[in-house]
Amino acid sequence: MEQILVYADSLSWGIIPQSRQRQPFDRRWPGVMESELLSQGLKVRVIENCLNGRRSAWSDPFKAGRDGSEGLAQVIEMHSPLKLVIIMLGHNDFQNTHDNDVWLSAQGIAKLIGIIRQAPIEPGMPVPEILVIAPPQIMQPKGAIAPKFSGAAARMQGYAEALAAMTADQGVDFFDSNSLLGPSQVDGIHLDEAQHPLLGRAVAARLRERFF
């Protein structure tokens, strides 16, 4: 059985926009992806490590543990052997507690790639392959989360292109979710329920094409 780790934030955790509730596993995109791959006869297990508010390589001044680079090596170690690590992060790098541009956030993802490749896995275990997914472009944030994402839509412009360039330099696979979906119509940031299966099926197809 091949193991796939999804390392991500609230979009992949499955938060229901304008709530603190969560979509069930079979309806959030990592679960849809697993179901698709299993239905095609692949023996896979999807492991979710998705934390609300996670940044790529920055701390949240209000909540502990949101720097995605901290502890990542141990996450890889504890779940090895891994076939693949999927990274879908970025939105929280553009919260108004940070003055990041798209190049800086892409470099944060590059740092995660380096950590994955150098993680202290057991001898003989494979270094996992990596897929970076660009999350959908933030639109006009709405509701209770709007203040902390003020200005994020402008700061995030061109993020997918910055990730594409970085992943080409790093030699890892890249998928732009903007090719099939946008952000939630409810809050302008997360994924609505109908968007999860779109992403899950598309990523499953990419995995079949590139990794299996």
C-alpha atoms as a PDB file:
ATOM      1  CA  MET A   1       0.000   0.000   0.000  1.00  0.00           C
ATOM      2  CA  GLU A   2       1.307   3.436  -0.976  1.00  0.00           C
ATOM      3  CA  GLN A   3       0.907   6.303   1.494  1.00  0.00           C
ATOM      4  CA  ILE A   4       0.202   9.899   0.444  1.00  0.00           C
ATOM      5  CA  LEU A   5       0.575  12.776   2.909  1.00  0.00           C
ATOM      6  CA  VAL A   6      -1.483  15.945   2.419  1.00  0.00           C
ATOM      7  CA  TYR A   7       0.246  18.834   4.216  1.00  0.00           C
ATOM      8  CA  ALA A   8      -2.051  21.806   4.132  1.00  0.00           C
ATOM      9  CA  ASP A   9      -4.309  24.315   5.895  1.00  0.00           C
ATOM     10  CA  SER A  10      -8.012  24.968   6.451  1.00  0.00           C
ATOM     11  CA  LEU A  11      -8.931  24.623   2.772  1.00  0.00           C
ATOM     12  CA  SER A  12      -7.910  20.960   2.913  1.00  0.00           C
ATOM     13  CA  TRP A  13      -9.004  20.477   6.530  1.00  0.00           C
ATOM     14  CA  GLY A  14     -12.437  21.029   5.046  1.00  0.00           C
ATOM     15  CA  ILE A  15     -13.705  24.006   6.995  1.00  0.00           C
ATOM     16  CA  ILE A  16     -17.254  24.969   6.065  1.00  0.00           C
ATOM     17  CA  PRO A  17     -17.132  28.688   5.173  1.00  0.00           C
ATOM     18  CA  GLN A  18     -18.591  31.085   7.748  1.00  0.00           C
ATOM     19  CA  SER A  19     -18.525  28.359  10.401  1.00  0.00           C
ATOM     20  CA  ARG A  20     -16.163  26.346  12.588  1.00  0.00           C
ATOM     21  CA  GLN A  21     -17.567  23.093  11.229  1.00  0.00           C
ATOM     22  CA  ARG A  22     -15.778  20.551   9.044  1.00  0.00           C
ATOM     23  CA  GLN A  23     -16.753  18.573   5.963  1.00  0.00           C
ATOM     24  CA  PRO A  24     -16.576  14.799   6.568  1.00  0.00           C
ATOM     25  CA  PHE A  25     -13.620  12.912   5.124  1.00  0.00           C
ATOM     26  CA  ASP A  26     -15.508  11.456   2.188  1.00  0.00           C
ATOM     27  CA  ARG A  27     -16.614  14.944   1.093  1.00  0.00           C
ATOM     28  CA  ARG A  28     -13.397  16.930   1.524  1.00  0.00           C
ATOM     29  CA  TRP A  29     -10.959  16.762  -1.357  1.00  0.00           C
ATOM     30  CA  PRO A  30      -8.284  14.455   0.165  1.00  0.00           C
ATOM     31  CA  GLY A  31     -10.997  11.890   0.902  1.00  0.00           C
ATOM     32  CA  VAL A  32     -12.455  12.228  -2.593  1.00  0.00           C
ATOM     33  CA  MET A  33      -8.962  11.761  -4.024  1.00  0.00           C
ATOM     34  CA  GLU A  34      -8.420   8.595  -1.983  1.00  0.00           C
ATOM     35  CA  SER A  35     -11.795   7.193  -3.043  1.00  0.00           C
ATOM     36  CA  GLU A  36     -11.048   7.892  -6.710  1.00  0.00           C
ATOM     37  CA  LEU A  37      -7.681   6.159  -6.555  1.00  0.00           C
ATOM     38  CA  LEU A  38      -9.091   3.167  -4.678  1.00  0.00           C
ATOM     39  CA  SER A  39     -11.909   2.838  -7.213  1.00  0.00           C
ATOM     40  CA  GLN A  40      -9.275   2.617  -9.946  1.00  0.00           C
ATOM     41  CA  GLY A  41      -7.633  -0.343  -8.246  1.00  0.00           C
ATOM     42  CA  LEU A  42      -4.747   1.479  -6.596  1.00  0.00           C
ATOM     43  CA  LYS A  43      -3.835   0.501  -3.046  1.00  0.00           C
ATOM     44  CA  VAL A  44      -3.367   3.869  -1.383  1.00  0.00           C
ATOM     45  CA  ARG A  45      -3.854   5.504   1.981  1.00  0.00           C
ATOM     46  CA  VAL A  46      -4.225   9.268   2.303  1.00  0.00           C
ATOM     47  CA  ILE A  47      -2.879  10.786   5.522  1.00  0.00           C
ATOM     48  CA  GLU A  48      -4.126  14.294   6.297  1.00  0.00           C
ATOM     49  CA  ASN A  49      -1.995  16.779   8.212  1.00  0.00           C
ATOM     50  CA  CYS A  50      -4.054  19.917   7.722  1.00  0.00           C
ATOM     51  CA  LEU A  51      -4.048  22.738  10.259  1.00  0.00           C
ATOM     52  CA  ASN A  52      -6.233  25.835  10.212  1.00  0.00           C
ATOM     53  CA  GLY A  53      -4.111  28.958   9.897  1.00  0.00           C
ATOM     54  CA  ARG A  54      -0.925  27.150   8.859  1.00  0.00           C
ATOM     55  CA  ARG A  55       1.614  29.304   7.045  1.00  0.00           C
ATOM     56  CA  SER A  56       4.447  28.015   4.902  1.00  0.00           C
ATOM     57  CA  ALA A  57       7.316  29.335   7.032  1.00  0.00           C
ATOM     58  CA  TRP A  58       5.967  32.087   9.288  1.00  0.00           C
ATOM     59  CA  SER A  59       4.475  32.121  12.772  1.00  0.00           C
ATOM     60  CA  ASP A  60       1.023  33.367  13.694  1.00  0.00           C
ATOM     61  CA  PRO A  61       1.373  36.026  16.407  1.00  0.00           C
ATOM     62  CA  PHE A  62      -1.874  34.867  18.026  1.00  0.00           C
ATOM     63  CA  LYS A  63      -1.829  31.045  17.708  1.00  0.00           C
ATOM     64  CA  ALA A  64       1.044  28.663  18.327  1.00  0.00           C
ATOM     65  CA  GLY A  65       2.255  26.027  15.891  1.00  0.00           C
ATOM     66  CA  ARG A  66       1.259  27.687  12.620  1.00  0.00           C
ATOM     67  CA  ASP A  67       4.734  27.791  11.066  1.00  0.00           C
ATOM     68  CA  GLY A  68       4.542  24.898   8.618  1.00  0.00           C
ATOM     69  CA  SER A  69       8.300  24.410   8.603  1.00  0.00           C
ATOM     70  CA  GLU A  70       8.422  23.610  12.311  1.00  0.00           C
ATOM     71  CA  GLY A  71       8.052  19.901  12.969  1.00  0.00           C
ATOM     72  CA  LEU A  72       7.630  18.963   9.299  1.00  0.00           C
ATOM     73  CA  ALA A  73      10.720  16.740   9.318  1.00  0.00           C
ATOM     74  CA  GLN A  74       9.224  14.762  12.199  1.00  0.00           C
ATOM     75  CA  VAL A  75       5.871  14.490  10.379  1.00  0.00           C
ATOM     76  CA  ILE A  76       7.688  12.909   7.435  1.00  0.00           C
ATOM     77  CA  GLU A  77       9.605  10.636   9.787  1.00  0.00           C
ATOM     78  CA  MET A  78       6.516   9.438  11.668  1.00  0.00           C
ATOM     79  CA  HIS A  79       4.515   8.587   8.538  1.00  0.00           C
ATOM     80  CA  SER A  80       7.283   7.036   6.425  1.00  0.00           C
ATOM     81  CA  PRO A  81       7.466   5.272   4.120  1.00  0.00           C
ATOM     82  CA  LEU A  82       5.656   7.824   1.957  1.00  0.00           C
ATOM     83  CA  LYS A  83       5.126   7.653  -1.782  1.00  0.00           C
ATOM     84  CA  LEU A  84       4.181  11.318  -2.095  1.00  0.00           C
ATOM     85  CA  VAL A  85       3.730  14.533  -0.134  1.00  0.00           C
ATOM     86  CA  ILE A  86       1.141  17.006  -1.423  1.00  0.00           C
ATOM     87  CA  ILE A  87       1.601  20.602  -0.235  1.00  0.00           C
ATOM     88  CA  MET A  88      -1.267  23.062  -0.597  1.00  0.00           C
ATOM     89  CA  LEU A  89      -0.455  26.173   1.405  1.00  0.00           C
ATOM     90  CA  GLY A  90      -0.185  29.909   0.895  1.00  0.00           C
ATOM     91  CA  HIS A  91      -3.383  31.684   1.851  1.00  0.00           C
ATOM     92  CA  ASN A  92      -2.292  32.388   5.397  1.00  0.00           C
ATOM     93  CA  ASP A  93       1.056  33.782   4.252  1.00  0.00           C
ATOM     94  CA  PHE A  94      -0.984  36.740   2.976  1.00  0.00           C
ATOM     95  CA  GLN A  95      -2.836  37.522   6.188  1.00  0.00           C
ATOM     96  CA  ASN A  96      -2.350  41.143   7.235  1.00  0.00           C
ATOM     97  CA  THR A  97       0.004  40.094  10.042  1.00  0.00           C
ATOM     98  CA  HIS A  98       2.598  39.564   7.262  1.00  0.00           C
ATOM     99  CA  ASP A  99       3.841  41.860   4.516  1.00  0.00           C
ATOM    100  CA  ASN A 100       4.629  39.033   2.125  1.00  0.00           C
ATOM    101  CA  ASP A 101       4.637  39.091  -1.637  1.00  0.00           C
ATOM    102  CA  VAL A 102       4.205  36.032  -3.857  1.00  0.00           C
ATOM    103  CA  TRP A 103       7.947  35.465  -4.249  1.00  0.00           C
ATOM    104  CA  LEU A 104       8.433  35.313  -0.482  1.00  0.00           C
ATOM    105  CA  SER A 105       5.577  32.845  -0.014  1.00  0.00           C
ATOM    106  CA  ALA A 106       6.897  30.667  -2.836  1.00  0.00           C
ATOM    107  CA  GLN A 107      10.264  30.634  -1.072  1.00  0.00           C
ATOM    108  CA  GLY A 108       8.466  29.493   2.068  1.00  0.00           C
ATOM    109  CA  ILE A 109       7.144  26.505   0.112  1.00  0.00           C
ATOM    110  CA  ALA A 110      10.657  25.902  -1.237  1.00  0.00           C
ATOM    111  CA  LYS A 111      11.857  25.687   2.364  1.00  0.00           C
ATOM    112  CA  LEU A 112       9.282  22.952   3.016  1.00  0.00           C
ATOM    113  CA  ILE A 113      10.482  21.036  -0.036  1.00  0.00           C
ATOM    114  CA  GLY A 114      14.022  21.105   1.330  1.00  0.00           C
ATOM    115  CA  ILE A 115      12.865  19.880   4.731  1.00  0.00           C
ATOM    116  CA  ILE A 116      10.955  16.971   3.186  1.00  0.00           C
ATOM    117  CA  ARG A 117      13.983  15.936   1.144  1.00  0.00           C
ATOM    118  CA  GLN A 118      16.271  16.028   4.173  1.00  0.00           C
ATOM    119  CA  ALA A 119      13.932  14.492   6.756  1.00  0.00           C
ATOM    120  CA  PRO A 120      15.541  11.822   8.992  1.00  0.00           C
ATOM    121  CA  ILE A 121      13.729   8.797   7.603  1.00  0.00           C
ATOM    122  CA  GLU A 122      14.888   5.253   8.315  1.00  0.00           C
ATOM    123  CA  PRO A 123      17.622   3.730   6.114  1.00  0.00           C
ATOM    124  CA  GLY A 124      16.225   2.224   2.931  1.00  0.00           C
ATOM    125  CA  MET A 125      12.975   4.188   3.035  1.00  0.00           C
ATOM    126  CA  PRO A 126      12.277   6.332  -0.039  1.00  0.00           C
ATOM    127  CA  VAL A 127      12.486  10.109  -0.103  1.00  0.00           C
ATOM    128  CA  PRO A 128       8.902  10.968  -1.071  1.00  0.00           C
ATOM    129  CA  GLU A 129       8.026  12.677  -4.300  1.00  0.00           C
ATOM    130  CA  ILE A 130       6.357  16.069  -3.956  1.00  0.00           C
ATOM    131  CA  LEU A 131       3.364  17.756  -5.576  1.00  0.00           C
ATOM    132  CA  VAL A 132       2.727  21.452  -4.880  1.00  0.00           C
ATOM    133  CA  ILE A 133      -0.823  22.705  -5.467  1.00  0.00           C
ATOM    134  CA  ALA A 134      -1.514  26.405  -5.907  1.00  0.00           C
ATOM    135  CA  PRO A 135      -4.664  27.235  -3.917  1.00  0.00           C
ATOM    136  CA  PRO A 136      -7.388  29.317  -5.556  1.00  0.00           C
ATOM    137  CA  GLN A 137      -6.802  33.050  -5.724  1.00  0.00           C
ATOM    138  CA  ILE A 138      -8.353  34.884  -2.760  1.00  0.00           C
ATOM    139  CA  MET A 139     -11.180  37.176  -3.826  1.00  0.00           C
ATOM    140  CA  GLN A 140     -12.999  39.672  -1.611  1.00  0.00           C
ATOM    141  CA  PRO A 141     -12.902  38.216   1.923  1.00  0.00           C
ATOM    142  CA  LYS A 142     -16.289  38.201   3.639  1.00  0.00           C
ATOM    143  CA  GLY A 143     -17.594  37.646   7.151  1.00  0.00           C
ATOM    144  CA  ALA A 144     -15.717  37.234  10.405  1.00  0.00           C
ATOM    145  CA  ILE A 145     -12.405  36.349   8.732  1.00  0.00           C
ATOM    146  CA  ALA A 146     -12.398  39.404   6.467  1.00  0.00           C
ATOM    147  CA  PRO A 147     -10.340  41.706   8.750  1.00  0.00           C
ATOM    148  CA  LYS A 148      -7.344  39.382   9.004  1.00  0.00           C
ATOM    149  CA  PHE A 149      -7.344  38.899   5.227  1.00  0.00           C
ATOM    150  CA  SER A 150      -7.685  42.576   4.353  1.00  0.00           C
ATOM    151  CA  GLY A 151      -5.511  43.301   1.326  1.00  0.00           C
ATOM    152  CA  ALA A 152      -4.743  39.606   0.802  1.00  0.00           C
ATOM    153  CA  ALA A 153      -6.359  39.448  -2.629  1.00  0.00           C
ATOM    154  CA  ALA A 154      -3.963  42.082  -3.947  1.00  0.00           C
ATOM    155  CA  ARG A 155      -0.899  40.606  -2.219  1.00  0.00           C
ATOM    156  CA  MET A 156      -1.702  37.149  -3.638  1.00  0.00           C
ATOM    157  CA  GLN A 157      -1.950  38.217  -7.282  1.00  0.00           C
ATOM    158  CA  GLY A 158       0.449  36.111  -9.363  1.00  0.00           C
ATOM    159  CA  TYR A 159       0.939  33.457  -6.698  1.00  0.00           C
ATOM    160  CA  ALA A 160       0.297  30.500  -9.004  1.00  0.00           C
ATOM    161  CA  GLU A 161       2.887  31.819 -11.439  1.00  0.00           C
ATOM    162  CA  ALA A 162       5.426  32.278  -8.627  1.00  0.00           C
ATOM    163  CA  LEU A 163       4.812  28.700  -7.448  1.00  0.00           C
ATOM    164  CA  ALA A 164       5.127  27.380 -10.997  1.00  0.00           C
ATOM    165  CA  ALA A 165       8.539  29.026 -11.364  1.00  0.00           C
ATOM    166  CA  MET A 166       9.730  27.845  -7.958  1.00  0.00           C
ATOM    167  CA  THR A 167       8.639  24.224  -8.465  1.00  0.00           C
ATOM    168  CA  ALA A 168      10.332  24.154 -11.868  1.00  0.00           C
ATOM    169  CA  ASP A 169      13.566  25.248 -10.181  1.00  0.00           C
ATOM    170  CA  GLN A 170      13.092  22.651  -7.426  1.00  0.00           C
ATOM    171  CA  GLY A 171      12.220  19.823  -9.815  1.00  0.00           C
ATOM    172  CA  VAL A 172       8.866  18.952  -8.239  1.00  0.00           C
ATOM    173  CA  ASP A 173       5.435  18.583  -9.788  1.00  0.00           C
ATOM    174  CA  PHE A 174       2.973  21.489  -9.781  1.00  0.00           C
ATOM    175  CA  PHE A 175      -0.797  21.755 -10.173  1.00  0.00           C
ATOM    176  CA  ASP A 176      -2.749  25.015 -10.348  1.00  0.00           C
ATOM    177  CA  SER A 177      -6.196  24.609  -8.789  1.00  0.00           C
ATOM    178  CA  ASN A 178      -7.233  27.897 -10.409  1.00  0.00           C
ATOM    179  CA  SER A 179      -7.553  25.941 -13.642  1.00  0.00           C
ATOM    180  CA  LEU A 180     -10.790  24.402 -12.369  1.00  0.00           C
ATOM    181  CA  LEU A 181     -12.115  26.329  -9.373  1.00  0.00           C
ATOM    182  CA  GLY A 182     -12.158  29.615  -7.512  1.00  0.00           C
ATOM    183  CA  PRO A 183     -12.595  30.450  -3.847  1.00  0.00           C
ATOM    184  CA  SER A 184     -15.792  30.097  -1.861  1.00  0.00           C
ATOM    185  CA  GLN A 185     -18.707  32.286  -2.876  1.00  0.00           C
ATOM    186  CA  VAL A 186     -19.521  32.475   0.836  1.00  0.00           C
ATOM    187  CA  ASP A 187     -16.289  33.873   2.286  1.00  0.00           C
ATOM    188  CA  GLY A 188     -13.996  34.481  -0.706  1.00  0.00           C
ATOM    189  CA  ILE A 189     -11.226  32.286   0.694  1.00  0.00           C
ATOM    190  CA  HIS A 190     -12.070  28.651   1.452  1.00  0.00           C
ATOM    191  CA  LEU A 191     -13.702  25.910  -0.624  1.00  0.00           C
ATOM    192  CA  ASP A 192     -17.443  25.432  -0.865  1.00  0.00           C
ATOM    193  CA  GLU A 193     -18.775  21.877  -0.621  1.00  0.00           C
ATOM    194  CA  ALA A 194     -19.176  21.459  -4.390  1.00  0.00           C
ATOM    195  CA  GLN A 195     -15.552  22.430  -5.011  1.00  0.00           C
ATOM    196  CA  HIS A 196     -14.033  19.618  -2.941  1.00  0.00           C
ATOM    197  CA  PRO A 197     -14.990  16.787  -5.335  1.00  0.00           C
ATOM    198  CA  LEU A 198     -13.770  18.832  -8.311  1.00  0.00           C
ATOM    199  CA  LEU A 199     -10.354  19.207  -6.749  1.00  0.00           C
ATOM    200  CA  GLY A 200     -10.199  15.671  -5.386  1.00  0.00           C
ATOM    201  CA  ARG A 201     -10.951  14.103  -8.754  1.00  0.00           C
ATOM    202  CA  ALA A 202      -8.549  16.397 -10.598  1.00  0.00           C
ATOM    203  CA  VAL A 203      -5.676  15.678  -8.227  1.00  0.00           C
ATOM    204  CA  ALA A 204      -6.380  11.939  -8.420  1.00  0.00           C
ATOM    205  CA  ALA A 205      -6.108  12.177 -12.213  1.00  0.00           C
ATOM    206  CA  ARG A 206      -2.799  14.036 -11.890  1.00  0.00           C
ATOM    207  CA  LEU A 207      -1.459  11.364  -9.540  1.00  0.00           C
ATOM    208  CA  ARG A 208      -2.415   8.614 -11.970  1.00  0.00           C
ATOM    209  CA  GLU A 209      -0.684  10.509 -14.752  1.00  0.00           C
ATOM    210  CA  ARG A 210       2.559  11.382 -12.938  1.00  0.00           C
ATOM    211  CA  PHE A 211       3.107   9.040 -10.004  1.00  0.00           C
ATOM    212  CA  PHE A 212       1.319   5.693 -10.494  1.00  0.00           C
END
